[in-house]
Amino acid sequence: MATRIVLLAPPDRLAPLRRIAAPFWSQAGTARALNRQNWWALSFRLPGQPTQEIGELASRARSEGVDVVELREPLATWLPGLLVSDVDSTITRTEAIDLLGEAAGRADEVAEVTARAMAGELDFAESLRARVACLEGLPAEAVDEAARATVVTDGARELVQAAHRAGCRFTMVSGGFTRMVEPLARRLGADAFVANDLEIVDGRCTGRVLGEIVDRSAKARYLRRWAEKYDVDTRLTVAIGDGANDLDMMAAAGMSIAFCAKPVVVEAADAAISLPRMDAIPALWARP
């Protein structure tokens, strides 16, 4: 059974990249190097299992600024049919609720609860309700201003475009808010998205969320729902996330990628990418 090993690194880490890659050259049936302005990738297709323990190697390499990713069948051979990505601190470099907390003058209080929720210390749904309660009275225009202040992760648009060129659907699932995620999804060209709905009455936030909260179990359900909708075998789905709220959908996917993620997510994921550019992710499926 074939295995694919992909190494990713920024240009200033070429020396450790070459050193860490050295053992794979002799094992590889085929190999390929890719370089872009902001990253390098080396992809090796091995005829069997690697002789090294990849988990331990990846941990050591990460300390030197090199990401090591192992792809197993069927994704070692087949392209993914569905990518499902978290939004806050994944597709974006910002957290929606933190931007809104700042607008409401309660940034420190909201940020503390956000950090504890993403680290898995608090139930997400309960913590979201507590944070949204801090937004009571916030004008709807402030939510729209926060949406415009959202910082998109480098390479996010290129990731979506690469997915579409490969015939892969790209969807976004967020514990943030529809009013902020919808314009971002349109801007990036995502095939679908889901997020939470802030209740707004008379032009102001009430401090409540409407309907089902998009928590970790909901994210997993949407991954399965989209796989069924787009007729994609779940073994060919990939989930990308950074926080504890993403763990269930990552477990449900054929492959999970911890992107610039919290330690609890790095530990649980099939692969971890610390290179803060989403356009490097398609390199995982570049054919050697």
C-alpha atoms as a PDB file:
ATOM      1  CA  MET A   1       0.000   0.000   0.000  1.00  0.00           C
ATOM      2  CA  ALA A   2       1.501   3.300  -1.120  1.00  0.00           C
ATOM      3  CA  THR A   3       2.263   6.184   1.204  1.00  0.00           C
ATOM      4  CA  ARG A   4       2.919   9.811   0.370  1.00  0.00           C
ATOM      5  CA  ILE A   5       5.246  11.960   2.475  1.00  0.00           C
ATOM      6  CA  VAL A   6       5.183  15.728   1.963  1.00  0.00           C
ATOM      7  CA  LEU A   7       7.565  18.190   3.594  1.00  0.00           C
ATOM      8  CA  LEU A   8       6.697  21.898   3.747  1.00  0.00           C
ATOM      9  CA  ALA A   9       8.913  24.786   4.802  1.00  0.00           C
ATOM     10  CA  PRO A  10       9.371  28.523   4.303  1.00  0.00           C
ATOM     11  CA  PRO A  11      12.325  29.622   2.143  1.00  0.00           C
ATOM     12  CA  ASP A  12      14.521  30.410   5.147  1.00  0.00           C
ATOM     13  CA  ARG A  13      14.316  26.778   6.346  1.00  0.00           C
ATOM     14  CA  LEU A  14      15.749  25.097   3.252  1.00  0.00           C
ATOM     15  CA  ALA A  15      18.750  23.645   5.095  1.00  0.00           C
ATOM     16  CA  PRO A  16      16.689  21.663   7.633  1.00  0.00           C
ATOM     17  CA  LEU A  17      14.200  20.793   4.875  1.00  0.00           C
ATOM     18  CA  ARG A  18      16.934  19.131   2.809  1.00  0.00           C
ATOM     19  CA  ARG A  19      18.388  17.345   5.824  1.00  0.00           C
ATOM     20  CA  ILE A  20      15.039  15.984   7.013  1.00  0.00           C
ATOM     21  CA  ALA A  21      14.153  14.925   3.457  1.00  0.00           C
ATOM     22  CA  ALA A  22      17.423  13.067   2.854  1.00  0.00           C
ATOM     23  CA  PRO A  23      16.286   9.583   4.019  1.00  0.00           C
ATOM     24  CA  PHE A  24      13.213   9.658   1.782  1.00  0.00           C
ATOM     25  CA  TRP A  25      15.100  10.054  -1.499  1.00  0.00           C
ATOM     26  CA  SER A  26      16.363   6.473  -1.349  1.00  0.00           C
ATOM     27  CA  GLN A  27      12.958   5.085  -0.331  1.00  0.00           C
ATOM     28  CA  ALA A  28      10.846   6.992  -2.847  1.00  0.00           C
ATOM     29  CA  GLY A  29       9.491   5.456  -5.999  1.00  0.00           C
ATOM     30  CA  THR A  30       8.884   8.987  -7.296  1.00  0.00           C
ATOM     31  CA  ALA A  31       9.585  12.449  -5.905  1.00  0.00           C
ATOM     32  CA  ARG A  32       8.797  16.053  -6.739  1.00  0.00           C
ATOM     33  CA  ALA A  33       9.931  19.450  -5.540  1.00  0.00           C
ATOM     34  CA  LEU A  34       7.661  22.493  -5.616  1.00  0.00           C
ATOM     35  CA  ASN A  35       8.697  26.003  -4.797  1.00  0.00           C
ATOM     36  CA  ARG A  36       6.673  29.161  -4.520  1.00  0.00           C
ATOM     37  CA  GLN A  37       7.655  32.609  -3.376  1.00  0.00           C
ATOM     38  CA  ASN A  38       6.708  31.871   0.234  1.00  0.00           C
ATOM     39  CA  TRP A  39       7.227  28.122   0.648  1.00  0.00           C
ATOM     40  CA  TRP A  40       8.915  24.966  -0.576  1.00  0.00           C
ATOM     41  CA  ALA A  41       7.452  21.462  -0.727  1.00  0.00           C
ATOM     42  CA  LEU A  42       9.058  18.076  -1.308  1.00  0.00           C
ATOM     43  CA  SER A  43       6.683  15.226  -2.122  1.00  0.00           C
ATOM     44  CA  PHE A  44       7.711  11.569  -2.009  1.00  0.00           C
ATOM     45  CA  ARG A  45       5.627   8.588  -3.053  1.00  0.00           C
ATOM     46  CA  LEU A  46       6.812   5.473  -1.250  1.00  0.00           C
ATOM     47  CA  PRO A  47       5.917   1.976  -2.483  1.00  0.00           C
ATOM     48  CA  GLY A  48       5.211   0.834   1.074  1.00  0.00           C
ATOM     49  CA  GLN A  49       5.341   2.138   4.609  1.00  0.00           C
ATOM     50  CA  PRO A  50       8.129   4.602   5.518  1.00  0.00           C
ATOM     51  CA  THR A  51      11.016   3.177   7.480  1.00  0.00           C
ATOM     52  CA  GLN A  52      10.845   6.089   9.932  1.00  0.00           C
ATOM     53  CA  GLU A  53       8.162   6.748  12.542  1.00  0.00           C
ATOM     54  CA  ILE A  54       6.515   9.767  10.946  1.00  0.00           C
ATOM     55  CA  GLY A  55       4.806  11.096  14.066  1.00  0.00           C
ATOM     56  CA  GLU A  56       8.078  11.419  15.944  1.00  0.00           C
ATOM     57  CA  LEU A  57       9.832  12.833  12.884  1.00  0.00           C
ATOM     58  CA  ALA A  58       7.081  15.414  12.373  1.00  0.00           C
ATOM     59  CA  SER A  59       7.355  16.562  15.974  1.00  0.00           C
ATOM     60  CA  ARG A  60      11.126  17.011  15.721  1.00  0.00           C
ATOM     61  CA  ALA A  61      10.918  18.673  12.315  1.00  0.00           C
ATOM     62  CA  ARG A  62       8.278  21.142  13.494  1.00  0.00           C
ATOM     63  CA  SER A  63      10.756  22.535  16.012  1.00  0.00           C
ATOM     64  CA  GLU A  64      13.001  23.372  13.044  1.00  0.00           C
ATOM     65  CA  GLY A  65      10.264  25.049  11.026  1.00  0.00           C
ATOM     66  CA  VAL A  66       9.556  22.081   8.733  1.00  0.00           C
ATOM     67  CA  ASP A  67       6.177  20.346   8.475  1.00  0.00           C
ATOM     68  CA  VAL A  68       6.094  16.621   7.699  1.00  0.00           C
ATOM     69  CA  VAL A  69       2.791  15.197   6.466  1.00  0.00           C
ATOM     70  CA  GLU A  70       1.998  11.542   5.829  1.00  0.00           C
ATOM     71  CA  LEU A  71      -0.853  10.733   3.439  1.00  0.00           C
ATOM     72  CA  ARG A  72      -2.279   7.243   3.459  1.00  0.00           C
ATOM     73  CA  GLU A  73      -4.664   5.565   1.071  1.00  0.00           C
ATOM     74  CA  PRO A  74      -6.980   6.494  -0.465  1.00  0.00           C
ATOM     75  CA  LEU A  75      -5.723  10.096  -0.231  1.00  0.00           C
ATOM     76  CA  ALA A  76      -2.170   9.018  -1.035  1.00  0.00           C
ATOM     77  CA  THR A  77      -3.461   8.263  -4.537  1.00  0.00           C
ATOM     78  CA  TRP A  78      -6.784  10.025  -5.006  1.00  0.00           C
ATOM     79  CA  LEU A  79      -7.539  13.727  -4.852  1.00  0.00           C
ATOM     80  CA  PRO A  80      -9.933  14.843  -2.115  1.00  0.00           C
ATOM     81  CA  GLY A  81     -13.498  15.520  -3.203  1.00  0.00           C
ATOM     82  CA  LEU A  82     -14.426  17.824  -0.327  1.00  0.00           C
ATOM     83  CA  LEU A  83     -12.428  20.226   1.836  1.00  0.00           C
ATOM     84  CA  VAL A  84     -14.218  21.512   4.942  1.00  0.00           C
ATOM     85  CA  SER A  85     -12.496  24.328   6.795  1.00  0.00           C
ATOM     86  CA  ASP A  86     -13.035  26.125  10.045  1.00  0.00           C
ATOM     87  CA  VAL A  87     -13.065  29.908   9.667  1.00  0.00           C
ATOM     88  CA  ASP A  88     -11.816  31.878  12.683  1.00  0.00           C
ATOM     89  CA  SER A  89      -8.027  31.585  13.116  1.00  0.00           C
ATOM     90  CA  THR A  90      -7.956  29.208  10.141  1.00  0.00           C
ATOM     91  CA  ILE A  91      -9.315  30.853   6.991  1.00  0.00           C
ATOM     92  CA  THR A  92      -8.969  34.113   8.878  1.00  0.00           C
ATOM     93  CA  ARG A  93      -6.271  35.277  11.255  1.00  0.00           C
ATOM     94  CA  THR A  94      -8.871  36.850  13.518  1.00  0.00           C
ATOM     95  CA  GLU A  95     -11.651  35.627  15.821  1.00  0.00           C
ATOM     96  CA  ALA A  96     -15.044  37.125  14.981  1.00  0.00           C
ATOM     97  CA  ILE A  97     -16.288  37.192  18.554  1.00  0.00           C
ATOM     98  CA  ASP A  98     -13.113  38.957  19.696  1.00  0.00           C
ATOM     99  CA  LEU A  99     -13.595  41.682  17.076  1.00  0.00           C
ATOM    100  CA  LEU A 100     -17.180  42.118  18.238  1.00  0.00           C
ATOM    101  CA  GLY A 101     -16.151  42.115  21.885  1.00  0.00           C
ATOM    102  CA  GLU A 102     -13.734  44.932  21.134  1.00  0.00           C
ATOM    103  CA  ALA A 103     -16.483  46.874  19.375  1.00  0.00           C
ATOM    104  CA  ALA A 104     -18.712  46.378  22.422  1.00  0.00           C
ATOM    105  CA  GLY A 105     -15.986  47.526  24.817  1.00  0.00           C
ATOM    106  CA  ARG A 106     -15.674  44.105  26.463  1.00  0.00           C
ATOM    107  CA  ALA A 107     -12.693  42.713  24.587  1.00  0.00           C
ATOM    108  CA  ASP A 108     -10.747  41.284  27.521  1.00  0.00           C
ATOM    109  CA  GLU A 109     -13.728  39.446  28.952  1.00  0.00           C
ATOM    110  CA  VAL A 110     -14.675  37.927  25.605  1.00  0.00           C
ATOM    111  CA  ALA A 111     -11.103  37.009  24.606  1.00  0.00           C
ATOM    112  CA  GLU A 112     -10.507  35.131  27.855  1.00  0.00           C
ATOM    113  CA  VAL A 113     -13.586  32.957  27.349  1.00  0.00           C
ATOM    114  CA  THR A 114     -12.683  32.400  23.671  1.00  0.00           C
ATOM    115  CA  ALA A 115      -9.207  31.162  24.546  1.00  0.00           C
ATOM    116  CA  ARG A 116     -10.547  28.740  27.145  1.00  0.00           C
ATOM    117  CA  ALA A 117     -13.191  27.425  24.748  1.00  0.00           C
ATOM    118  CA  MET A 118     -10.708  26.852  21.907  1.00  0.00           C
ATOM    119  CA  ALA A 119      -8.359  25.046  24.284  1.00  0.00           C
ATOM    120  CA  GLY A 120     -11.178  22.671  25.189  1.00  0.00           C
ATOM    121  CA  GLU A 121     -11.544  23.904  28.760  1.00  0.00           C
ATOM    122  CA  LEU A 122     -15.156  25.069  28.299  1.00  0.00           C
ATOM    123  CA  ASP A 123     -18.197  23.729  26.479  1.00  0.00           C
ATOM    124  CA  PHE A 124     -18.362  25.700  23.246  1.00  0.00           C
ATOM    125  CA  ALA A 125     -22.120  26.297  23.138  1.00  0.00           C
ATOM    126  CA  GLU A 126     -22.230  27.547  26.706  1.00  0.00           C
ATOM    127  CA  SER A 127     -19.196  29.757  26.199  1.00  0.00           C
ATOM    128  CA  LEU A 128     -20.618  31.194  22.972  1.00  0.00           C
ATOM    129  CA  ARG A 129     -23.852  32.194  24.671  1.00  0.00           C
ATOM    130  CA  ALA A 130     -21.852  33.857  27.451  1.00  0.00           C
ATOM    131  CA  ARG A 131     -19.755  35.812  24.970  1.00  0.00           C
ATOM    132  CA  VAL A 132     -22.687  36.817  22.789  1.00  0.00           C
ATOM    133  CA  ALA A 133     -24.478  38.115  25.886  1.00  0.00           C
ATOM    134  CA  CYS A 134     -21.667  40.668  26.116  1.00  0.00           C
ATOM    135  CA  LEU A 135     -22.781  42.073  22.758  1.00  0.00           C
ATOM    136  CA  GLU A 136     -26.224  43.179  23.905  1.00  0.00           C
ATOM    137  CA  GLY A 137     -26.968  46.609  22.471  1.00  0.00           C
ATOM    138  CA  LEU A 138     -24.168  46.496  19.884  1.00  0.00           C
ATOM    139  CA  PRO A 139     -25.358  48.159  16.642  1.00  0.00           C
ATOM    140  CA  ALA A 140     -25.670  45.907  13.603  1.00  0.00           C
ATOM    141  CA  GLU A 141     -23.413  48.335  11.743  1.00  0.00           C
ATOM    142  CA  ALA A 142     -20.631  47.452  14.183  1.00  0.00           C
ATOM    143  CA  VAL A 143     -20.981  43.792  13.185  1.00  0.00           C
ATOM    144  CA  ASP A 144     -20.587  44.776   9.538  1.00  0.00           C
ATOM    145  CA  GLU A 145     -17.547  46.890  10.404  1.00  0.00           C
ATOM    146  CA  ALA A 146     -16.023  43.898  12.201  1.00  0.00           C
ATOM    147  CA  ALA A 147     -16.628  41.794   9.090  1.00  0.00           C
ATOM    148  CA  ARG A 148     -14.693  44.326   7.038  1.00  0.00           C
ATOM    149  CA  ALA A 149     -11.882  44.274   9.626  1.00  0.00           C
ATOM    150  CA  THR A 150     -11.489  40.502   9.330  1.00  0.00           C
ATOM    151  CA  VAL A 151      -7.979  39.545   8.202  1.00  0.00           C
ATOM    152  CA  VAL A 152      -7.944  36.678   5.710  1.00  0.00           C
ATOM    153  CA  THR A 153      -5.150  34.135   6.062  1.00  0.00           C
ATOM    154  CA  ASP A 154      -2.525  34.342   3.338  1.00  0.00           C
ATOM    155  CA  GLY A 155      -3.268  31.930   0.522  1.00  0.00           C
ATOM    156  CA  ALA A 156      -6.907  31.239   1.445  1.00  0.00           C
ATOM    157  CA  ARG A 157      -8.279  32.338  -1.919  1.00  0.00           C
ATOM    158  CA  GLU A 158      -5.589  30.331  -3.718  1.00  0.00           C
ATOM    159  CA  LEU A 159      -6.553  27.242  -1.709  1.00  0.00           C
ATOM    160  CA  VAL A 160     -10.182  27.546  -2.799  1.00  0.00           C
ATOM    161  CA  GLN A 161      -9.157  28.089  -6.411  1.00  0.00           C
ATOM    162  CA  ALA A 162      -6.819  25.081  -6.331  1.00  0.00           C
ATOM    163  CA  ALA A 163      -9.576  22.921  -4.857  1.00  0.00           C
ATOM    164  CA  HIS A 164     -11.972  23.908  -7.623  1.00  0.00           C
ATOM    165  CA  ARG A 165      -9.378  23.273 -10.335  1.00  0.00           C
ATOM    166  CA  ALA A 166      -9.007  19.758  -8.937  1.00  0.00           C
ATOM    167  CA  GLY A 167     -12.773  19.202  -9.007  1.00  0.00           C
ATOM    168  CA  CYS A 168     -12.992  19.429  -5.224  1.00  0.00           C
ATOM    169  CA  ARG A 169     -15.716  21.238  -3.291  1.00  0.00           C
ATOM    170  CA  PHE A 170     -14.687  23.768  -0.660  1.00  0.00           C
ATOM    171  CA  THR A 171     -16.978  24.536   2.274  1.00  0.00           C
ATOM    172  CA  MET A 172     -16.680  26.638   5.418  1.00  0.00           C
ATOM    173  CA  VAL A 173     -18.069  25.773   8.844  1.00  0.00           C
ATOM    174  CA  SER A 174     -17.832  28.372  11.563  1.00  0.00           C
ATOM    175  CA  GLY A 175     -18.588  28.873  15.217  1.00  0.00           C
ATOM    176  CA  GLY A 176     -18.665  32.553  14.273  1.00  0.00           C
ATOM    177  CA  PHE A 177     -21.528  34.468  12.742  1.00  0.00           C
ATOM    178  CA  THR A 178     -23.384  34.347   9.447  1.00  0.00           C
ATOM    179  CA  ARG A 179     -23.374  38.120   9.068  1.00  0.00           C
ATOM    180  CA  MET A 180     -19.565  38.007   8.985  1.00  0.00           C
ATOM    181  CA  VAL A 181     -18.959  34.645   7.297  1.00  0.00           C
ATOM    182  CA  GLU A 182     -21.361  35.066   4.378  1.00  0.00           C
ATOM    183  CA  PRO A 183     -19.504  37.955   2.684  1.00  0.00           C
ATOM    184  CA  LEU A 184     -16.215  36.125   3.232  1.00  0.00           C
ATOM    185  CA  ALA A 185     -17.588  32.927   1.677  1.00  0.00           C
ATOM    186  CA  ARG A 186     -18.763  34.886  -1.369  1.00  0.00           C
ATOM    187  CA  ARG A 187     -15.422  36.646  -1.634  1.00  0.00           C
ATOM    188  CA  LEU A 188     -13.466  33.384  -1.539  1.00  0.00           C
ATOM    189  CA  GLY A 189     -15.858  31.467  -3.786  1.00  0.00           C
ATOM    190  CA  ALA A 190     -16.772  28.765  -1.264  1.00  0.00           C
ATOM    191  CA  ASP A 191     -19.383  26.231  -2.355  1.00  0.00           C
ATOM    192  CA  ALA A 192     -21.263  26.368   0.952  1.00  0.00           C
ATOM    193  CA  PHE A 193     -20.947  27.680   4.486  1.00  0.00           C
ATOM    194  CA  VAL A 194     -22.674  27.533   7.844  1.00  0.00           C
ATOM    195  CA  ALA A 195     -22.326  29.746  10.921  1.00  0.00           C
ATOM    196  CA  ASN A 196     -24.330  31.043  13.871  1.00  0.00           C
ATOM    197  CA  ASP A 197     -27.066  33.661  13.571  1.00  0.00           C
ATOM    198  CA  LEU A 198     -26.935  36.666  15.871  1.00  0.00           C
ATOM    199  CA  GLU A 199     -30.352  37.923  16.881  1.00  0.00           C
ATOM    200  CA  ILE A 200     -30.685  41.546  15.815  1.00  0.00           C
ATOM    201  CA  VAL A 201     -33.786  43.570  16.694  1.00  0.00           C
ATOM    202  CA  ASP A 202     -34.300  47.211  15.748  1.00  0.00           C
ATOM    203  CA  GLY A 203     -30.759  47.382  14.414  1.00  0.00           C
ATOM    204  CA  ARG A 204     -29.043  46.148  17.581  1.00  0.00           C
ATOM    205  CA  CYS A 205     -27.770  42.822  18.902  1.00  0.00           C
ATOM    206  CA  THR A 206     -29.970  41.353  21.610  1.00  0.00           C
ATOM    207  CA  GLY A 207     -27.160  39.304  23.127  1.00  0.00           C
ATOM    208  CA  ARG A 208     -28.708  36.038  21.931  1.00  0.00           C
ATOM    209  CA  VAL A 209     -28.044  33.474  19.203  1.00  0.00           C
ATOM    210  CA  LEU A 210     -30.866  32.143  17.041  1.00  0.00           C
ATOM    211  CA  GLY A 211     -31.347  28.459  16.269  1.00  0.00           C
ATOM    212  CA  GLU A 212     -28.824  25.646  16.472  1.00  0.00           C
ATOM    213  CA  ILE A 213     -25.356  26.585  17.647  1.00  0.00           C
ATOM    214  CA  VAL A 214     -22.568  25.416  15.363  1.00  0.00           C
ATOM    215  CA  ASP A 215     -20.548  23.512  17.941  1.00  0.00           C
ATOM    216  CA  ARG A 216     -18.148  20.609  17.484  1.00  0.00           C
ATOM    217  CA  SER A 217     -20.871  17.994  16.918  1.00  0.00           C
ATOM    218  CA  ALA A 218     -22.680  20.244  14.435  1.00  0.00           C
ATOM    219  CA  LYS A 219     -19.473  20.714  12.462  1.00  0.00           C
ATOM    220  CA  ALA A 220     -19.144  16.941  12.083  1.00  0.00           C
ATOM    221  CA  ARG A 221     -22.770  16.679  10.964  1.00  0.00           C
ATOM    222  CA  TYR A 222     -22.253  19.330   8.299  1.00  0.00           C
ATOM    223  CA  LEU A 223     -19.168  17.549   6.978  1.00  0.00           C
ATOM    224  CA  ARG A 224     -21.209  14.359   6.545  1.00  0.00           C
ATOM    225  CA  ARG A 225     -24.149  16.299   5.110  1.00  0.00           C
ATOM    226  CA  TRP A 226     -21.982  18.025   2.503  1.00  0.00           C
ATOM    227  CA  ALA A 227     -20.252  14.761   1.614  1.00  0.00           C
ATOM    228  CA  GLU A 228     -23.670  13.261   0.915  1.00  0.00           C
ATOM    229  CA  LYS A 229     -24.882  16.348  -0.959  1.00  0.00           C
ATOM    230  CA  TYR A 230     -21.845  16.420  -3.237  1.00  0.00           C
ATOM    231  CA  ASP A 231     -21.653  12.611  -3.534  1.00  0.00           C
ATOM    232  CA  VAL A 232     -18.173  12.379  -2.008  1.00  0.00           C
ATOM    233  CA  ASP A 233     -16.941   9.285  -0.190  1.00  0.00           C
ATOM    234  CA  THR A 234     -16.115  10.399   3.365  1.00  0.00           C
ATOM    235  CA  ARG A 235     -12.710   8.757   2.958  1.00  0.00           C
ATOM    236  CA  LEU A 236     -11.983  11.494   0.395  1.00  0.00           C
ATOM    237  CA  THR A 237     -12.943  14.363   2.693  1.00  0.00           C
ATOM    238  CA  VAL A 238     -10.441  16.630   4.427  1.00  0.00           C
ATOM    239  CA  ALA A 239     -11.179  18.740   7.506  1.00  0.00           C
ATOM    240  CA  ILE A 240      -9.007  21.737   8.384  1.00  0.00           C
ATOM    241  CA  GLY A 241      -9.149  23.385  11.792  1.00  0.00           C
ATOM    242  CA  ASP A 242      -7.272  24.917  14.674  1.00  0.00           C
ATOM    243  CA  GLY A 243      -9.349  24.580  17.854  1.00  0.00           C
ATOM    244  CA  ALA A 244     -11.078  22.047  20.074  1.00  0.00           C
ATOM    245  CA  ASN A 245     -14.400  22.917  18.437  1.00  0.00           C
ATOM    246  CA  ASP A 246     -13.065  21.308  15.237  1.00  0.00           C
ATOM    247  CA  LEU A 247     -12.126  17.937  16.701  1.00  0.00           C
ATOM    248  CA  ASP A 248     -15.348  16.057  15.914  1.00  0.00           C
ATOM    249  CA  MET A 249     -15.399  17.055  12.247  1.00  0.00           C
ATOM    250  CA  MET A 250     -11.711  16.224  12.005  1.00  0.00           C
ATOM    251  CA  ALA A 251     -12.417  12.763  13.401  1.00  0.00           C
ATOM    252  CA  ALA A 252     -15.248  12.322  10.876  1.00  0.00           C
ATOM    253  CA  ALA A 253     -13.104  13.242   7.858  1.00  0.00           C
ATOM    254  CA  GLY A 254     -10.933  10.985   5.765  1.00  0.00           C
ATOM    255  CA  MET A 255      -7.990  13.196   6.731  1.00  0.00           C
ATOM    256  CA  SER A 256      -7.634  15.951   9.302  1.00  0.00           C
ATOM    257  CA  ILE A 257      -5.215  18.870   9.128  1.00  0.00           C
ATOM    258  CA  ALA A 258      -4.339  20.973  12.157  1.00  0.00           C
ATOM    259  CA  PHE A 259      -3.549  24.371  10.652  1.00  0.00           C
ATOM    260  CA  CYS A 260      -1.501  26.675  12.910  1.00  0.00           C
ATOM    261  CA  ALA A 261      -3.449  24.918  15.622  1.00  0.00           C
ATOM    262  CA  LYS A 262      -3.718  24.568  19.373  1.00  0.00           C
ATOM    263  CA  PRO A 263      -1.654  21.713  20.893  1.00  0.00           C
ATOM    264  CA  VAL A 264      -4.745  19.591  21.598  1.00  0.00           C
ATOM    265  CA  VAL A 265      -5.625  19.710  17.894  1.00  0.00           C
ATOM    266  CA  VAL A 266      -2.076  19.036  16.698  1.00  0.00           C
ATOM    267  CA  GLU A 267      -2.035  15.951  18.901  1.00  0.00           C
ATOM    268  CA  ALA A 268      -5.329  14.629  17.517  1.00  0.00           C
ATOM    269  CA  ALA A 269      -4.937  15.469  13.815  1.00  0.00           C
ATOM    270  CA  ASP A 270      -3.608  13.239  11.054  1.00  0.00           C
ATOM    271  CA  ALA A 271      -1.307  16.067   9.968  1.00  0.00           C
ATOM    272  CA  ALA A 272      -0.180  19.408  11.351  1.00  0.00           C
ATOM    273  CA  ILE A 273       0.847  22.409   9.268  1.00  0.00           C
ATOM    274  CA  SER A 274       2.535  25.294  11.044  1.00  0.00           C
ATOM    275  CA  LEU A 275       3.430  27.179   7.852  1.00  0.00           C
ATOM    276  CA  PRO A 276       0.901  30.048   8.031  1.00  0.00           C
ATOM    277  CA  ARG A 277      -0.114  29.926   4.364  1.00  0.00           C
ATOM    278  CA  MET A 278      -3.178  28.075   3.141  1.00  0.00           C
ATOM    279  CA  ASP A 279      -1.930  27.971  -0.448  1.00  0.00           C
ATOM    280  CA  ALA A 280       0.634  25.381   0.671  1.00  0.00           C
ATOM    281  CA  ILE A 281      -2.111  22.855   1.477  1.00  0.00           C
ATOM    282  CA  PRO A 282      -2.698  21.823  -2.184  1.00  0.00           C
ATOM    283  CA  ALA A 283       0.961  20.770  -2.312  1.00  0.00           C
ATOM    284  CA  LEU A 284      -0.106  17.710  -0.326  1.00  0.00           C
ATOM    285  CA  TRP A 285      -1.748  16.365  -3.476  1.00  0.00           C
ATOM    286  CA  ALA A 286       0.792  17.495  -6.062  1.00  0.00           C
ATOM    287  CA  ARG A 287       1.746  14.348  -7.923  1.00  0.00           C
ATOM    288  CA  PRO A 288       5.381  13.237  -7.493  1.00  0.00           C
END
